[in-house]
N, C-alpha and C. Protein backbone atom coordinates (compact mmCIF):
# COMPACT_ATOMS: atom_id res chain seq x y z
N MET A 1 0.64 -1.27 0.01
CA MET A 1 0.07 -0.15 -0.21
C MET A 1 0.75 1.18 -0.19
N GLN A 2 1.68 1.34 0.77
CA GLN A 2 2.79 2.58 0.83
C GLN A 2 3.65 2.55 -0.55
N ARG A 3 3.93 1.30 -1.02
CA ARG A 3 4.48 1.79 -2.53
C ARG A 3 3.55 1.86 -3.29
N ALA A 4 2.35 2.06 -3.32
CA ALA A 4 1.12 2.55 -4.37
C ALA A 4 0.90 3.93 -4.09
N ALA A 5 1.06 4.55 -2.81
CA ALA A 5 0.95 5.76 -2.61
C ALA A 5 2.37 6.38 -3.06
N ASN A 6 3.12 5.76 -2.75
CA ASN A 6 4.83 6.75 -3.26
C ASN A 6 4.35 7.13 -4.65
N ALA A 7 4.41 5.97 -5.27
CA ALA A 7 3.88 5.95 -6.67
C ALA A 7 2.80 7.13 -7.17
N TYR A 8 1.91 7.14 -6.79
CA TYR A 8 0.82 8.12 -6.92
C TYR A 8 1.45 9.47 -6.99
N MET A 9 1.91 9.46 -5.46
CA MET A 9 2.43 10.66 -5.35
C MET A 9 3.82 11.38 -6.57
N GLN A 10 4.71 10.68 -6.78
CA GLN A 10 5.84 10.87 -7.59
C GLN A 10 5.00 11.10 -8.86
N THR A 11 4.11 10.60 -9.28
CA THR A 11 3.26 10.91 -10.58
C THR A 11 2.60 12.22 -10.50
N GLN A 12 2.14 12.50 -9.35
CA GLN A 12 1.86 13.89 -9.30
C GLN A 12 2.37 14.53 -9.11
N VAL A 13 3.55 14.76 -8.41
CA VAL A 13 4.61 15.71 -8.48
C VAL A 13 5.07 15.75 -9.95
N THR A 14 5.67 15.11 -10.66
CA THR A 14 6.01 14.96 -12.18
C THR A 14 5.24 15.42 -12.91
N THR A 15 4.17 15.52 -12.95
CA THR A 15 2.80 16.19 -14.10
C THR A 15 2.25 16.94 -13.62
N THR A 16 2.53 17.84 -12.59
CA THR A 16 1.95 19.31 -12.19
C THR A 16 2.57 20.28 -12.48
N THR A 17 1.87 21.26 -12.38
CA THR A 17 2.48 22.68 -12.62
C THR A 17 3.41 23.38 -11.53
N PRO A 18 4.27 24.41 -12.03
CA PRO A 18 5.28 24.59 -11.09
C PRO A 18 4.08 25.51 -9.53
N GLY A 19 3.00 26.41 -9.95
CA GLY A 19 2.20 26.64 -9.49
C GLY A 19 1.51 25.87 -8.58
N HIS A 20 1.27 24.67 -8.72
CA HIS A 20 0.40 23.82 -8.16
C HIS A 20 1.56 22.65 -7.19
N LEU A 21 2.56 22.85 -7.54
CA LEU A 21 3.41 22.22 -6.94
C LEU A 21 3.73 22.71 -5.43
N VAL A 22 3.76 24.21 -5.59
CA VAL A 22 4.02 24.97 -4.38
C VAL A 22 2.59 24.79 -3.38
N VAL A 23 1.53 24.87 -3.97
CA VAL A 23 0.29 24.32 -3.39
C VAL A 23 0.28 23.32 -2.32
N MET A 24 0.63 22.26 -3.38
CA MET A 24 0.93 20.78 -2.72
C MET A 24 1.84 20.95 -1.13
N LEU A 25 2.98 21.90 -1.47
CA LEU A 25 3.95 22.28 -0.57
C LEU A 25 3.64 22.75 1.13
N TYR A 26 2.52 23.82 0.63
CA TYR A 26 1.72 24.25 1.63
C TYR A 26 0.76 23.18 2.08
N ASP A 27 0.14 22.70 1.70
CA ASP A 27 -0.92 21.44 2.12
C ASP A 27 -0.05 20.82 2.78
N GLY A 28 0.89 20.41 2.61
CA GLY A 28 1.99 19.30 3.32
C GLY A 28 2.33 20.27 4.45
N ALA A 29 2.81 21.36 4.61
CA ALA A 29 2.97 22.10 6.05
C ALA A 29 2.36 22.41 6.64
N ILE A 30 0.72 22.62 6.35
CA ILE A 30 -0.38 22.77 7.12
C ILE A 30 -0.37 20.99 7.42
N THR A 31 -0.62 20.35 6.93
CA THR A 31 -1.02 19.05 7.50
C THR A 31 0.25 18.43 8.54
N PHE A 32 1.28 19.11 8.24
CA PHE A 32 2.41 18.60 9.45
C PHE A 32 1.72 18.71 11.07
N LEU A 33 1.25 20.27 10.58
CA LEU A 33 1.13 21.86 11.62
C LEU A 33 0.09 21.44 13.04
N GLU A 34 -1.23 20.75 11.66
CA GLU A 34 -1.97 20.19 12.48
C GLU A 34 -2.35 19.32 13.12
N GLN A 35 -1.23 18.04 12.65
CA GLN A 35 -0.77 16.82 13.17
C GLN A 35 0.18 17.03 14.42
N ALA A 36 1.02 18.47 14.50
CA ALA A 36 1.81 18.48 15.85
C ALA A 36 0.91 19.41 16.76
N LYS A 37 -0.20 19.84 16.53
CA LYS A 37 -1.14 20.33 17.16
C LYS A 37 -1.71 19.09 18.18
N GLN A 38 -2.25 18.48 17.61
CA GLN A 38 -2.95 17.10 18.08
C GLN A 38 -1.44 16.35 19.01
N GLU A 39 -0.62 16.33 18.64
CA GLU A 39 0.30 15.68 18.98
C GLU A 39 0.60 16.10 20.65
N ILE A 40 0.72 17.78 20.38
CA ILE A 40 0.66 18.48 21.71
C ILE A 40 -0.38 18.59 22.91
N GLU A 41 -1.61 17.51 22.50
CA GLU A 41 -2.74 17.80 23.06
C GLU A 41 -2.86 16.53 23.90
N VAL A 42 -2.11 15.59 23.05
CA VAL A 42 -2.07 14.16 23.77
C VAL A 42 -0.66 13.69 24.49
N ARG A 43 0.31 15.33 24.63
CA ARG A 43 1.28 14.76 25.22
C ARG A 43 2.66 14.53 24.45
N ASN A 44 2.41 13.91 23.35
CA ASN A 44 3.61 12.92 22.57
C ASN A 44 4.59 14.28 21.94
N TYR A 45 5.56 14.63 22.80
CA TYR A 45 6.20 15.77 22.29
C TYR A 45 7.32 15.43 21.28
N ALA A 46 7.87 14.21 21.51
CA ALA A 46 8.76 13.88 20.68
C ALA A 46 8.01 13.93 18.95
N LYS A 47 6.87 13.48 18.74
CA LYS A 47 6.33 13.20 17.64
C LYS A 47 5.98 14.98 17.47
N LYS A 48 5.85 15.71 18.21
CA LYS A 48 5.21 16.94 17.81
C LYS A 48 6.22 17.87 17.47
N GLY A 49 7.42 17.23 17.97
CA GLY A 49 8.79 17.74 17.43
C GLY A 49 9.47 17.88 16.06
N ILE A 50 9.59 16.17 15.76
CA ILE A 50 9.08 15.82 14.36
C ILE A 50 8.38 16.35 13.32
N LEU A 51 7.25 16.49 13.67
CA LEU A 51 6.31 17.51 12.79
C LEU A 51 6.39 19.03 12.35
N ILE A 52 6.80 19.68 13.63
CA ILE A 52 7.32 20.98 13.45
C ILE A 52 8.07 21.07 12.46
N SER A 53 9.31 20.30 12.60
CA SER A 53 10.48 19.77 12.13
C SER A 53 10.24 19.95 10.41
N GLN A 54 9.51 18.65 10.21
CA GLN A 54 8.89 18.80 8.72
C GLN A 54 8.64 19.94 8.29
N ALA A 55 7.54 20.67 8.95
CA ALA A 55 7.10 22.32 8.55
C ALA A 55 7.92 22.77 8.29
N LEU A 56 8.90 22.78 9.15
CA LEU A 56 10.10 24.00 9.20
C LEU A 56 10.82 23.66 7.82
N ASP A 57 10.88 22.32 7.16
CA ASP A 57 11.89 22.18 6.72
C ASP A 57 11.13 22.42 4.87
N ILE A 58 9.88 22.13 4.98
CA ILE A 58 9.25 22.60 4.08
C ILE A 58 8.94 24.41 3.44
N ILE A 59 8.80 24.81 4.87
CA ILE A 59 9.22 26.55 4.47
C ILE A 59 10.42 27.04 4.06
N SER A 60 11.72 26.43 4.98
CA SER A 60 12.69 26.22 4.17
C SER A 60 13.07 26.27 3.12
N GLU A 61 12.39 25.16 1.96
CA GLU A 61 12.35 25.04 0.69
C GLU A 61 11.77 26.03 -0.03
N LEU A 62 10.97 26.34 0.42
CA LEU A 62 9.73 27.73 -0.17
C LEU A 62 10.56 28.40 -0.33
N ASP A 63 11.23 28.78 1.13
CA ASP A 63 12.44 30.46 0.86
C ASP A 63 13.32 30.28 0.14
N GLY A 64 13.94 29.15 0.40
CA GLY A 64 15.15 28.98 -0.58
C GLY A 64 14.86 28.95 -2.29
N SER A 65 13.50 28.91 -2.33
CA SER A 65 13.38 28.42 -4.00
C SER A 65 12.84 30.36 -4.31
N LEU A 66 12.83 30.78 -3.28
CA LEU A 66 12.51 32.36 -3.90
C LEU A 66 13.61 32.96 -4.85
N ASN A 67 12.81 33.48 -6.12
CA ASN A 67 14.14 34.32 -6.71
C ASN A 67 13.97 35.61 -6.42
N THR A 68 14.84 36.28 -6.14
CA THR A 68 15.02 37.52 -5.25
C THR A 68 15.06 38.75 -6.42
N GLU A 69 15.81 38.26 -7.81
CA GLU A 69 16.35 38.91 -8.66
C GLU A 69 14.71 39.33 -9.25
N LYS A 70 14.21 38.50 -9.68
CA LYS A 70 12.82 38.29 -10.61
C LYS A 70 11.64 39.02 -9.74
N GLY A 71 11.84 38.39 -8.54
CA GLY A 71 10.77 38.59 -7.76
C GLY A 71 10.86 39.58 -7.05
N GLY A 72 12.14 40.46 -6.94
CA GLY A 72 12.21 41.74 -6.29
C GLY A 72 11.29 41.78 -4.68
N GLU A 73 10.74 42.97 -4.33
CA GLU A 73 10.14 43.42 -3.44
C GLU A 73 9.23 42.08 -3.05
N LEU A 74 8.24 41.03 -3.61
CA LEU A 74 7.47 40.70 -3.39
C LEU A 74 8.48 39.47 -2.67
N ALA A 75 9.57 38.90 -3.46
CA ALA A 75 10.35 37.98 -2.74
C ALA A 75 10.67 38.25 -1.68
N GLN A 76 11.34 39.62 -1.35
CA GLN A 76 11.83 39.72 -0.14
C GLN A 76 10.68 39.50 1.25
N ASN A 77 9.37 40.24 0.56
CA ASN A 77 8.38 39.76 1.31
C ASN A 77 8.38 38.82 1.87
N LEU A 78 8.27 37.56 0.92
CA LEU A 78 8.03 36.53 1.23
C LEU A 78 8.65 36.14 2.25
N HIS A 79 10.11 36.30 1.89
CA HIS A 79 11.41 35.84 2.42
C HIS A 79 11.09 36.05 4.23
N LYS A 80 10.85 37.16 4.54
CA LYS A 80 10.60 38.10 5.84
C LYS A 80 9.79 37.01 6.20
N LEU A 81 8.37 37.02 5.67
CA LEU A 81 7.08 36.00 6.14
C LEU A 81 7.64 34.89 6.50
N TYR A 82 8.60 34.27 5.39
CA TYR A 82 9.10 32.58 6.10
C TYR A 82 9.73 32.53 7.12
N MET A 83 10.62 33.95 7.43
CA MET A 83 11.49 33.96 8.42
C MET A 83 10.69 33.69 9.75
N TYR A 84 9.48 34.75 9.77
CA TYR A 84 8.47 35.14 11.03
C TYR A 84 7.76 33.74 11.40
N CYS A 85 7.65 33.12 10.12
CA CYS A 85 7.03 31.86 10.46
C CYS A 85 7.69 30.81 11.01
N SER A 86 9.03 30.84 10.38
CA SER A 86 9.75 29.92 11.14
C SER A 86 10.28 30.15 12.65
N THR A 87 10.30 31.28 13.12
CA THR A 87 10.58 31.88 14.11
C THR A 87 9.17 31.59 15.12
N ARG A 88 8.06 31.83 14.68
CA ARG A 88 7.12 31.58 15.97
C ARG A 88 6.74 29.75 15.47
N LEU A 89 7.63 29.12 14.51
CA LEU A 89 7.48 27.52 15.00
C LEU A 89 8.13 26.86 16.03
N LEU A 90 9.42 28.04 16.13
CA LEU A 90 10.49 27.57 16.67
C LEU A 90 10.26 27.86 18.41
N GLN A 91 9.33 29.07 18.65
CA GLN A 91 8.84 29.20 19.78
C GLN A 91 7.50 28.22 20.09
N ALA A 92 6.92 27.68 19.10
CA ALA A 92 5.62 26.86 19.35
C ALA A 92 6.29 25.78 19.90
N ASN A 93 7.48 25.12 19.36
CA ASN A 93 8.03 24.00 19.43
C ASN A 93 8.44 24.16 21.15
N LEU A 94 9.07 25.00 21.29
CA LEU A 94 9.41 25.31 22.80
C LEU A 94 8.57 25.62 23.97
N LYS A 95 7.45 25.82 23.69
CA LYS A 95 6.43 26.47 24.57
C LYS A 95 5.28 25.66 24.66
N MET A 96 5.08 24.56 23.62
CA MET A 96 3.86 23.99 22.91
C MET A 96 2.69 24.41 22.90
N ASP A 97 2.84 25.48 22.48
CA ASP A 97 1.66 26.59 22.52
C ASP A 97 1.15 26.40 20.99
N ILE A 98 -0.17 25.96 21.10
CA ILE A 98 -0.91 25.77 19.89
C ILE A 98 -1.29 27.23 19.14
N THR A 99 -1.25 28.33 20.16
CA THR A 99 -1.85 29.04 19.05
C THR A 99 -0.42 29.48 18.05
N LEU A 100 0.17 29.53 18.58
CA LEU A 100 1.43 30.15 17.76
C LEU A 100 1.50 29.25 16.53
N ILE A 101 1.28 27.82 16.39
CA ILE A 101 0.87 27.36 15.46
C ILE A 101 -0.30 27.45 14.58
N ASP A 102 -1.34 27.81 15.56
CA ASP A 102 -2.50 28.13 14.92
C ASP A 102 -2.21 29.70 13.49
N GLU A 103 -1.43 30.99 14.22
CA GLU A 103 -1.06 31.73 13.54
C GLU A 103 -0.48 31.26 12.38
N VAL A 104 0.93 30.42 12.69
CA VAL A 104 1.55 30.05 11.31
C VAL A 104 0.39 29.38 10.16
N ILE A 105 -0.32 28.40 10.05
CA ILE A 105 -1.55 27.96 9.82
C ILE A 105 -2.31 29.08 9.08
N GLY A 106 -2.94 29.81 9.70
CA GLY A 106 -3.31 31.21 9.25
C GLY A 106 -2.62 31.48 7.76
N ILE A 107 -0.87 32.09 7.97
CA ILE A 107 -0.23 32.73 7.43
C ILE A 107 -0.24 31.76 5.86
N LEU A 108 -0.29 30.55 5.97
CA LEU A 108 0.28 29.34 5.35
C LEU A 108 -0.50 29.36 4.26
N SER A 109 -2.08 29.07 5.18
CA SER A 109 -3.54 28.89 4.40
C SER A 109 -3.66 30.42 3.89
N SER A 110 -3.19 31.32 3.57
CA SER A 110 -3.29 32.90 2.70
C SER A 110 -2.66 32.30 2.07
N PHE A 111 -1.23 32.02 1.97
CA PHE A 111 -0.47 32.09 0.85
C PHE A 111 -0.98 30.92 -0.02
N ARG A 112 -1.10 29.70 0.51
CA ARG A 112 -1.56 28.26 -0.29
C ARG A 112 -3.18 28.71 -0.98
N SER A 113 -3.91 29.80 -0.73
CA SER A 113 -5.05 30.14 -1.60
C SER A 113 -4.64 30.87 -2.16
N ALA A 114 -3.72 31.83 -2.01
CA ALA A 114 -3.12 32.78 -3.24
C ALA A 114 -2.16 32.18 -4.23
N PHE A 115 -1.87 31.39 -3.96
CA PHE A 115 -0.96 30.43 -4.95
C PHE A 115 -2.02 29.35 -5.57
N SER A 116 -3.02 28.61 -4.94
CA SER A 116 -3.82 27.92 -5.68
C SER A 116 -4.51 28.96 -7.00
N GLU A 117 -4.84 30.13 -6.78
CA GLU A 117 -5.57 30.82 -7.69
C GLU A 117 -4.95 31.34 -8.35
N ILE A 118 -3.53 31.63 -8.41
CA ILE A 118 -2.60 31.88 -9.51
C ILE A 118 -2.07 30.62 -10.24
N SER A 119 -1.98 29.33 -9.75
CA SER A 119 -1.76 28.18 -10.81
C SER A 119 -3.41 27.81 -11.58
N LYS A 120 -4.20 28.14 -10.84
CA LYS A 120 -5.56 27.79 -11.95
C LYS A 120 -5.05 29.01 -13.15
N THR A 121 -4.57 30.06 -12.95
CA THR A 121 -5.06 31.15 -14.48
C THR A 121 -3.49 30.41 -15.41
N GLN A 122 -2.62 29.60 -14.90
CA GLN A 122 -1.41 29.25 -15.49
C GLN A 122 -2.01 28.27 -16.32
N ALA A 123 -1.21 28.13 -17.70
CA ALA A 123 -1.12 27.02 -18.69
C ALA A 123 -0.68 25.59 -18.18
N HIS A 124 -0.81 24.69 -18.58
CA HIS A 124 -0.36 23.61 -18.00
C HIS A 124 1.06 23.05 -18.81
N PRO A 125 2.21 23.90 -18.57
CA PRO A 125 3.44 23.42 -19.23
C PRO A 125 4.02 21.94 -19.12
N SER A 126 5.06 21.94 -19.34
CA SER A 126 6.11 20.45 -19.22
C SER A 126 6.45 20.58 -17.65
N PRO A 127 6.75 19.27 -17.30
CA PRO A 127 6.85 18.97 -15.79
C PRO A 127 8.15 19.44 -15.88
N PRO A 128 8.17 20.61 -14.20
CA PRO A 128 9.01 21.54 -13.63
C PRO A 128 10.86 20.49 -13.60
N ARG A 129 11.79 20.58 -13.34
CA ARG A 129 12.91 19.99 -14.07
C ARG A 129 13.13 19.57 -12.43
N ALA A 130 12.70 20.37 -11.24
CA ALA A 130 13.03 19.68 -10.23
C ALA A 130 12.14 18.68 -9.63
N ALA A 131 10.92 18.93 -10.25
CA ALA A 131 9.87 17.64 -9.76
C ALA A 131 10.49 16.17 -10.91
N ALA A 132 11.00 16.20 -11.63
CA ALA A 132 11.85 14.82 -12.30
C ALA A 132 12.73 14.53 -11.27
N TYR A 133 13.48 15.54 -10.58
CA TYR A 133 14.69 15.06 -9.88
C TYR A 133 14.16 14.27 -8.84
N TYR A 134 13.01 15.32 -8.19
CA TYR A 134 12.56 14.44 -6.80
C TYR A 134 11.80 13.33 -6.94
N ALA A 135 11.46 12.95 -7.99
CA ALA A 135 10.64 11.79 -8.34
C ALA A 135 10.97 10.64 -8.45
N ARG A 136 12.61 10.68 -8.65
CA ARG A 136 13.50 9.28 -8.43
C ARG A 136 13.33 8.58 -7.45
């Protein structure tokens, strides 16, 4: 079953637009944070830490993919917001604070909605090169 799920995800990643790929990353980060909140409630702090780290990895990847030359002020503002989200998640991890996680989920959900709308208006180009790399 796990192998089938991985194959499905690889197909989805390699055949999607770059905009939809970004939406998928936001979905992943939000899912990890929702799960982290549940782990805080049941006092499974080790699992909570792993889930927050996974969300932080996604945020770091999103931040690293920003093109500050072409993106200009927008890319710089996104970078600042990603750094803010990362800081808030580190605080949430230390303080076991669900409200900080909810704050970040709200920010990421707004970004997700925006990128979802943008990706709907884009044509479906050939698969992104990075998707082919990660699908191996």
